[in-house]
Amino acid sequence: MGVGEIAGLIAAIAFAVLAGFMIYPLIRLGKMFDQIALTVKESGEHAIPALDEGVTTVKQVNKSLEDVNRISAAASTTANNVGALTDLYGSFLGKPVIKVASAVYALKSTAQSFIAKNAGDSVHKGE
């Protein structure tokens, strides 16, 4: 055996030892990838029901919001109707009441003036 053959044999043994040391981390890396794949699969199995539950919750919230929108629209319509009725009663009853109050005030003023004038005439006749 020559020096070249011994050097080749040492290089082959060193490569085999290096390959042996590299196998262990590669095996661990393979196990880690298997574990990651299993975790992703389990997460997917648990995530789908959670997503379905989230979709159901969103649908229920949307339905509740539709109900709230209907209620607020009805309340708005009621408020508008009450406002219109208030305006109607104000115009229907307000003007006649003002006219009656004016007529009563005029009648009162006329009666007071007439009474005061008659009282003044009787004082002048008595002199």
N, C-alpha and C. Protein backbone atom coordinates (compact mmCIF):
# COMPACT_ATOMS: atom_id res chain seq x y z
N MET A 1 0.84 -1.16 0.00
CA MET A 1 0.00 0.00 0.00
C MET A 1 0.89 1.24 0.00
N GLY A 2 0.50 2.11 -0.94
CA GLY A 2 1.32 3.30 -1.08
C GLY A 2 0.74 4.45 -0.27
N VAL A 3 1.49 5.52 -0.28
CA VAL A 3 1.08 6.72 0.46
C VAL A 3 -0.23 7.26 -0.08
N GLY A 4 -0.44 7.22 -1.39
CA GLY A 4 -1.68 7.72 -1.99
C GLY A 4 -2.88 6.88 -1.58
N GLU A 5 -2.66 5.56 -1.52
CA GLU A 5 -3.76 4.69 -1.13
C GLU A 5 -4.13 4.90 0.34
N ILE A 6 -3.12 5.09 1.18
CA ILE A 6 -3.38 5.34 2.61
C ILE A 6 -4.11 6.68 2.77
N ALA A 7 -3.70 7.69 2.02
CA ALA A 7 -4.36 9.00 2.09
C ALA A 7 -5.81 8.87 1.62
N GLY A 8 -6.04 8.08 0.56
CA GLY A 8 -7.40 7.87 0.06
C GLY A 8 -8.26 7.14 1.07
N LEU A 9 -7.64 6.14 1.76
CA LEU A 9 -8.36 5.39 2.78
C LEU A 9 -8.71 6.28 3.96
N ILE A 10 -7.78 7.15 4.37
CA ILE A 10 -8.05 8.08 5.48
C ILE A 10 -9.16 9.06 5.07
N ALA A 11 -9.12 9.53 3.84
CA ALA A 11 -10.16 10.46 3.36
C ALA A 11 -11.51 9.76 3.32
N ALA A 12 -11.55 8.50 2.90
CA ALA A 12 -12.81 7.75 2.85
C ALA A 12 -13.36 7.53 4.25
N ILE A 13 -12.47 7.21 5.21
CA ILE A 13 -12.92 7.00 6.59
C ILE A 13 -13.43 8.32 7.17
N ALA A 14 -12.72 9.42 6.89
CA ALA A 14 -13.15 10.74 7.39
C ALA A 14 -14.52 11.10 6.79
N PHE A 15 -14.68 10.80 5.51
CA PHE A 15 -15.97 11.09 4.87
C PHE A 15 -17.08 10.25 5.49
N ALA A 16 -16.80 8.99 5.79
CA ALA A 16 -17.79 8.10 6.41
C ALA A 16 -18.16 8.60 7.80
N VAL A 17 -17.16 9.05 8.57
CA VAL A 17 -17.44 9.59 9.91
C VAL A 17 -18.27 10.86 9.79
N LEU A 18 -17.89 11.73 8.85
CA LEU A 18 -18.64 12.98 8.64
C LEU A 18 -20.08 12.67 8.22
N ALA A 19 -20.25 11.70 7.34
CA ALA A 19 -21.59 11.31 6.91
C ALA A 19 -22.37 10.74 8.09
N GLY A 20 -21.70 10.00 8.96
CA GLY A 20 -22.35 9.45 10.15
C GLY A 20 -22.83 10.55 11.08
N PHE A 21 -22.00 11.58 11.26
CA PHE A 21 -22.42 12.71 12.10
C PHE A 21 -23.56 13.51 11.46
N MET A 22 -23.61 13.54 10.14
CA MET A 22 -24.65 14.31 9.44
C MET A 22 -25.99 13.56 9.41
N ILE A 23 -25.94 12.24 9.54
CA ILE A 23 -27.17 11.46 9.48
C ILE A 23 -28.07 11.78 10.68
N TYR A 24 -27.51 11.89 11.86
CA TYR A 24 -28.31 12.13 13.07
C TYR A 24 -29.11 13.44 12.97
N PRO A 25 -28.50 14.59 12.63
CA PRO A 25 -29.31 15.81 12.50
C PRO A 25 -30.36 15.71 11.39
N LEU A 26 -30.01 14.99 10.31
CA LEU A 26 -30.99 14.84 9.23
C LEU A 26 -32.17 13.99 9.68
N ILE A 27 -31.91 12.96 10.48
CA ILE A 27 -33.01 12.13 11.01
C ILE A 27 -33.88 12.97 11.93
N ARG A 28 -33.24 13.76 12.79
CA ARG A 28 -34.02 14.64 13.69
C ARG A 28 -34.82 15.66 12.90
N LEU A 29 -34.22 16.20 11.84
CA LEU A 29 -34.92 17.17 10.99
C LEU A 29 -36.12 16.51 10.32
N GLY A 30 -35.96 15.27 9.88
CA GLY A 30 -37.08 14.53 9.28
C GLY A 30 -38.20 14.31 10.28
N LYS A 31 -37.85 13.94 11.53
CA LYS A 31 -38.87 13.76 12.57
C LYS A 31 -39.59 15.08 12.87
N MET A 32 -38.80 16.18 12.86
CA MET A 32 -39.41 17.48 13.12
C MET A 32 -40.41 17.84 12.01
N PHE A 33 -40.04 17.55 10.76
CA PHE A 33 -40.96 17.82 9.65
C PHE A 33 -42.22 16.96 9.75
N ASP A 34 -42.05 15.70 10.18
CA ASP A 34 -43.22 14.84 10.39
C ASP A 34 -44.13 15.41 11.48
N GLN A 35 -43.52 15.89 12.57
CA GLN A 35 -44.29 16.48 13.67
C GLN A 35 -45.01 17.75 13.20
N ILE A 36 -44.31 18.57 12.41
CA ILE A 36 -44.94 19.80 11.88
C ILE A 36 -46.12 19.44 10.99
N ALA A 37 -45.96 18.43 10.15
CA ALA A 37 -47.05 18.01 9.27
C ALA A 37 -48.25 17.53 10.09
N LEU A 38 -47.98 16.77 11.15
CA LEU A 38 -49.06 16.28 12.02
C LEU A 38 -49.75 17.45 12.72
N THR A 39 -48.96 18.41 13.21
CA THR A 39 -49.53 19.58 13.89
C THR A 39 -50.40 20.40 12.94
N VAL A 40 -49.93 20.59 11.72
CA VAL A 40 -50.71 21.35 10.72
C VAL A 40 -52.01 20.61 10.41
N LYS A 41 -51.94 19.30 10.30
CA LYS A 41 -53.14 18.52 10.02
C LYS A 41 -54.15 18.65 11.16
N GLU A 42 -53.67 18.51 12.41
CA GLU A 42 -54.56 18.64 13.56
C GLU A 42 -55.12 20.05 13.68
N SER A 43 -54.28 21.04 13.39
CA SER A 43 -54.76 22.43 13.44
C SER A 43 -55.85 22.65 12.41
N GLY A 44 -55.66 22.08 11.24
CA GLY A 44 -56.69 22.20 10.20
C GLY A 44 -57.99 21.55 10.62
N GLU A 45 -57.88 20.39 11.29
CA GLU A 45 -59.09 19.71 11.75
C GLU A 45 -59.82 20.52 12.81
N HIS A 46 -59.07 21.25 13.64
CA HIS A 46 -59.69 22.07 14.69
C HIS A 46 -60.10 23.44 14.16
N ALA A 47 -59.42 23.90 13.14
CA ALA A 47 -59.70 25.25 12.63
C ALA A 47 -61.00 25.30 11.84
N ILE A 48 -61.33 24.24 11.13
CA ILE A 48 -62.54 24.25 10.30
C ILE A 48 -63.79 24.39 11.16
N PRO A 49 -63.96 23.63 12.26
CA PRO A 49 -65.15 23.87 13.10
C PRO A 49 -65.16 25.27 13.71
N ALA A 50 -63.98 25.78 14.07
CA ALA A 50 -63.93 27.14 14.63
C ALA A 50 -64.35 28.16 13.58
N LEU A 51 -63.91 27.98 12.35
CA LEU A 51 -64.32 28.89 11.28
C LEU A 51 -65.82 28.78 11.01
N ASP A 52 -66.35 27.55 11.03
CA ASP A 52 -67.79 27.38 10.85
C ASP A 52 -68.57 28.07 11.96
N GLU A 53 -68.07 27.96 13.17
CA GLU A 53 -68.71 28.63 14.31
C GLU A 53 -68.66 30.14 14.14
N GLY A 54 -67.53 30.65 13.66
CA GLY A 54 -67.40 32.09 13.41
C GLY A 54 -68.37 32.56 12.34
N VAL A 55 -68.54 31.78 11.29
CA VAL A 55 -69.49 32.13 10.23
C VAL A 55 -70.90 32.15 10.78
N THR A 56 -71.25 31.16 11.60
CA THR A 56 -72.58 31.12 12.21
C THR A 56 -72.81 32.33 13.10
N THR A 57 -71.80 32.70 13.87
CA THR A 57 -71.92 33.87 14.75
C THR A 57 -72.12 35.14 13.94
N VAL A 58 -71.37 35.29 12.86
CA VAL A 58 -71.51 36.48 12.02
C VAL A 58 -72.91 36.53 11.40
N LYS A 59 -73.43 35.39 10.98
CA LYS A 59 -74.79 35.36 10.41
C LYS A 59 -75.82 35.79 11.45
N GLN A 60 -75.66 35.31 12.69
CA GLN A 60 -76.60 35.69 13.75
C GLN A 60 -76.50 37.17 14.07
N VAL A 61 -75.30 37.71 14.08
CA VAL A 61 -75.12 39.14 14.33
C VAL A 61 -75.75 39.96 13.21
N ASN A 62 -75.57 39.52 11.97
CA ASN A 62 -76.18 40.23 10.84
C ASN A 62 -77.70 40.20 10.94
N LYS A 63 -78.26 39.06 11.36
CA LYS A 63 -79.71 38.97 11.51
C LYS A 63 -80.19 39.93 12.60
N SER A 64 -79.45 39.97 13.70
CA SER A 64 -79.81 40.89 14.79
C SER A 64 -79.72 42.34 14.33
N LEU A 65 -78.70 42.66 13.55
CA LEU A 65 -78.57 44.03 13.03
C LEU A 65 -79.71 44.38 12.08
N GLU A 66 -80.17 43.41 11.29
CA GLU A 66 -81.33 43.66 10.43
C GLU A 66 -82.56 43.97 11.27
N ASP A 67 -82.74 43.23 12.37
CA ASP A 67 -83.87 43.50 13.27
C ASP A 67 -83.76 44.89 13.88
N VAL A 68 -82.56 45.26 14.29
CA VAL A 68 -82.35 46.60 14.87
C VAL A 68 -82.63 47.66 13.82
N ASN A 69 -82.22 47.43 12.58
CA ASN A 69 -82.49 48.39 11.51
C ASN A 69 -83.99 48.55 11.28
N ARG A 70 -84.73 47.44 11.31
CA ARG A 70 -86.19 47.52 11.15
C ARG A 70 -86.81 48.30 12.30
N ILE A 71 -86.35 48.05 13.51
CA ILE A 71 -86.91 48.74 14.68
C ILE A 71 -86.59 50.23 14.61
N SER A 72 -85.36 50.58 14.25
CA SER A 72 -85.01 52.00 14.18
C SER A 72 -85.75 52.69 13.04
N ALA A 73 -86.01 51.99 11.94
CA ALA A 73 -86.80 52.57 10.85
C ALA A 73 -88.23 52.82 11.31
N ALA A 74 -88.79 51.87 12.06
CA ALA A 74 -90.15 52.05 12.58
C ALA A 74 -90.20 53.21 13.56
N ALA A 75 -89.19 53.34 14.41
CA ALA A 75 -89.15 54.45 15.37
C ALA A 75 -89.02 55.78 14.64
N SER A 76 -88.25 55.81 13.58
CA SER A 76 -88.10 57.04 12.80
C SER A 76 -89.42 57.42 12.14
N THR A 77 -90.11 56.44 11.59
CA THR A 77 -91.41 56.70 10.97
C THR A 77 -92.40 57.20 12.00
N THR A 78 -92.40 56.59 13.18
CA THR A 78 -93.30 57.03 14.26
C THR A 78 -92.99 58.46 14.67
N ALA A 79 -91.72 58.80 14.80
CA ALA A 79 -91.35 60.16 15.18
C ALA A 79 -91.79 61.16 14.11
N ASN A 80 -91.64 60.80 12.85
CA ASN A 80 -92.10 61.68 11.76
C ASN A 80 -93.61 61.86 11.80
N ASN A 81 -94.33 60.77 12.07
CA ASN A 81 -95.79 60.86 12.14
C ASN A 81 -96.24 61.72 13.32
N VAL A 82 -95.57 61.57 14.45
CA VAL A 82 -95.91 62.40 15.62
C VAL A 82 -95.65 63.87 15.31
N GLY A 83 -94.55 64.15 14.64
CA GLY A 83 -94.24 65.53 14.26
C GLY A 83 -95.29 66.09 13.32
N ALA A 84 -95.72 65.28 12.37
CA ALA A 84 -96.75 65.73 11.43
C ALA A 84 -98.07 65.97 12.15
N LEU A 85 -98.43 65.08 13.09
CA LEU A 85 -99.66 65.28 13.86
C LEU A 85 -99.59 66.54 14.72
N THR A 86 -98.43 66.79 15.30
CA THR A 86 -98.26 68.00 16.10
C THR A 86 -98.45 69.24 15.24
N ASP A 87 -97.87 69.24 14.06
CA ASP A 87 -98.05 70.37 13.15
C ASP A 87 -99.51 70.52 12.74
N LEU A 88 -100.17 69.39 12.49
CA LEU A 88 -101.58 69.43 12.09
C LEU A 88 -102.44 70.00 13.21
N TYR A 89 -102.26 69.50 14.43
CA TYR A 89 -103.04 70.03 15.55
C TYR A 89 -102.74 71.50 15.80
N GLY A 90 -101.48 71.86 15.65
CA GLY A 90 -101.11 73.27 15.84
C GLY A 90 -101.79 74.17 14.83
N SER A 91 -101.82 73.76 13.58
CA SER A 91 -102.45 74.60 12.57
C SER A 91 -103.98 74.53 12.65
N PHE A 92 -104.49 73.36 13.03
CA PHE A 92 -105.95 73.20 13.09
C PHE A 92 -106.54 73.90 14.31
N LEU A 93 -105.90 73.75 15.46
CA LEU A 93 -106.45 74.31 16.69
C LEU A 93 -105.83 75.65 17.06
N GLY A 94 -104.61 75.89 16.64
CA GLY A 94 -103.91 77.09 17.07
C GLY A 94 -104.55 78.37 16.57
N LYS A 95 -104.86 78.46 15.30
CA LYS A 95 -105.42 79.69 14.73
C LYS A 95 -106.82 79.98 15.28
N PRO A 96 -107.71 78.99 15.34
CA PRO A 96 -109.03 79.29 15.92
C PRO A 96 -108.95 79.70 17.40
N VAL A 97 -108.07 79.09 18.16
CA VAL A 97 -107.94 79.45 19.58
C VAL A 97 -107.45 80.88 19.70
N ILE A 98 -106.51 81.27 18.84
CA ILE A 98 -106.02 82.65 18.86
C ILE A 98 -107.15 83.61 18.49
N LYS A 99 -107.96 83.24 17.50
CA LYS A 99 -109.08 84.10 17.09
C LYS A 99 -110.10 84.23 18.21
N VAL A 100 -110.40 83.13 18.88
CA VAL A 100 -111.37 83.17 19.98
C VAL A 100 -110.81 84.03 21.11
N ALA A 101 -109.52 83.87 21.42
CA ALA A 101 -108.92 84.68 22.49
C ALA A 101 -108.94 86.16 22.12
N SER A 102 -108.70 86.46 20.86
CA SER A 102 -108.74 87.87 20.42
C SER A 102 -110.15 88.42 20.53
N ALA A 103 -111.14 87.61 20.14
CA ALA A 103 -112.53 88.06 20.22
C ALA A 103 -112.94 88.28 21.67
N VAL A 104 -112.54 87.37 22.56
CA VAL A 104 -112.88 87.52 23.98
C VAL A 104 -112.21 88.76 24.54
N TYR A 105 -110.97 89.02 24.19
CA TYR A 105 -110.27 90.21 24.66
C TYR A 105 -110.95 91.48 24.14
N ALA A 106 -111.35 91.46 22.87
CA ALA A 106 -112.04 92.63 22.31
C ALA A 106 -113.37 92.85 23.01
N LEU A 107 -114.11 91.78 23.26
CA LEU A 107 -115.39 91.89 23.95
C LEU A 107 -115.20 92.42 25.36
N LYS A 108 -114.17 91.94 26.05
CA LYS A 108 -113.88 92.39 27.42
C LYS A 108 -113.51 93.87 27.41
N SER A 109 -112.65 94.26 26.49
CA SER A 109 -112.24 95.68 26.41
C SER A 109 -113.43 96.56 26.09
N THR A 110 -114.30 96.11 25.18
CA THR A 110 -115.48 96.89 24.82
C THR A 110 -116.42 97.01 26.01
N ALA A 111 -116.61 95.89 26.73
CA ALA A 111 -117.50 95.91 27.89
C ALA A 111 -116.95 96.83 28.96
N GLN A 112 -115.64 96.79 29.22
CA GLN A 112 -115.06 97.68 30.22
C GLN A 112 -115.18 99.14 29.80
N SER A 113 -114.97 99.38 28.53
CA SER A 113 -115.08 100.76 28.02
C SER A 113 -116.52 101.24 28.14
N PHE A 114 -117.47 100.37 27.82
CA PHE A 114 -118.89 100.73 27.89
C PHE A 114 -119.30 100.99 29.34
N ILE A 115 -118.83 100.13 30.25
CA ILE A 115 -119.17 100.30 31.67
C ILE A 115 -118.55 101.59 32.20
N ALA A 116 -117.31 101.86 31.82
CA ALA A 116 -116.64 103.08 32.28
C ALA A 116 -117.34 104.31 31.71
N LYS A 117 -117.80 104.25 30.48
CA LYS A 117 -118.47 105.39 29.85
C LYS A 117 -119.83 105.62 30.51
N ASN A 118 -120.55 104.55 30.79
CA ASN A 118 -121.86 104.68 31.45
C ASN A 118 -121.69 105.20 32.88
N ALA A 119 -120.67 104.80 33.54
CA ALA A 119 -120.43 105.29 34.90
C ALA A 119 -120.09 106.77 34.84
N GLY A 120 -119.36 107.21 33.82
CA GLY A 120 -119.01 108.61 33.67
C GLY A 120 -120.22 109.45 33.30
N ASP A 121 -121.14 108.93 32.50
CA ASP A 121 -122.35 109.66 32.11
C ASP A 121 -123.27 109.84 33.30
N SER A 122 -123.37 108.83 34.16
CA SER A 122 -124.25 108.96 35.32
C SER A 122 -123.68 109.95 36.32
N VAL A 123 -122.40 110.11 36.37
CA VAL A 123 -121.79 111.08 37.27
C VAL A 123 -122.08 112.48 36.73
N HIS A 124 -122.03 112.69 35.42
CA HIS A 124 -122.29 114.01 34.84
C HIS A 124 -123.76 114.37 34.94
N LYS A 125 -124.66 113.41 34.85
CA LYS A 125 -126.10 113.70 34.93
C LYS A 125 -126.48 114.07 36.35
N GLY A 126 -125.82 113.56 37.32
CA GLY A 126 -126.14 113.82 38.72
C GLY A 126 -125.71 115.20 39.13
N GLU A 127 -124.91 115.90 38.40
CA GLU A 127 -124.42 117.21 38.81
C GLU A 127 -125.41 118.19 38.53
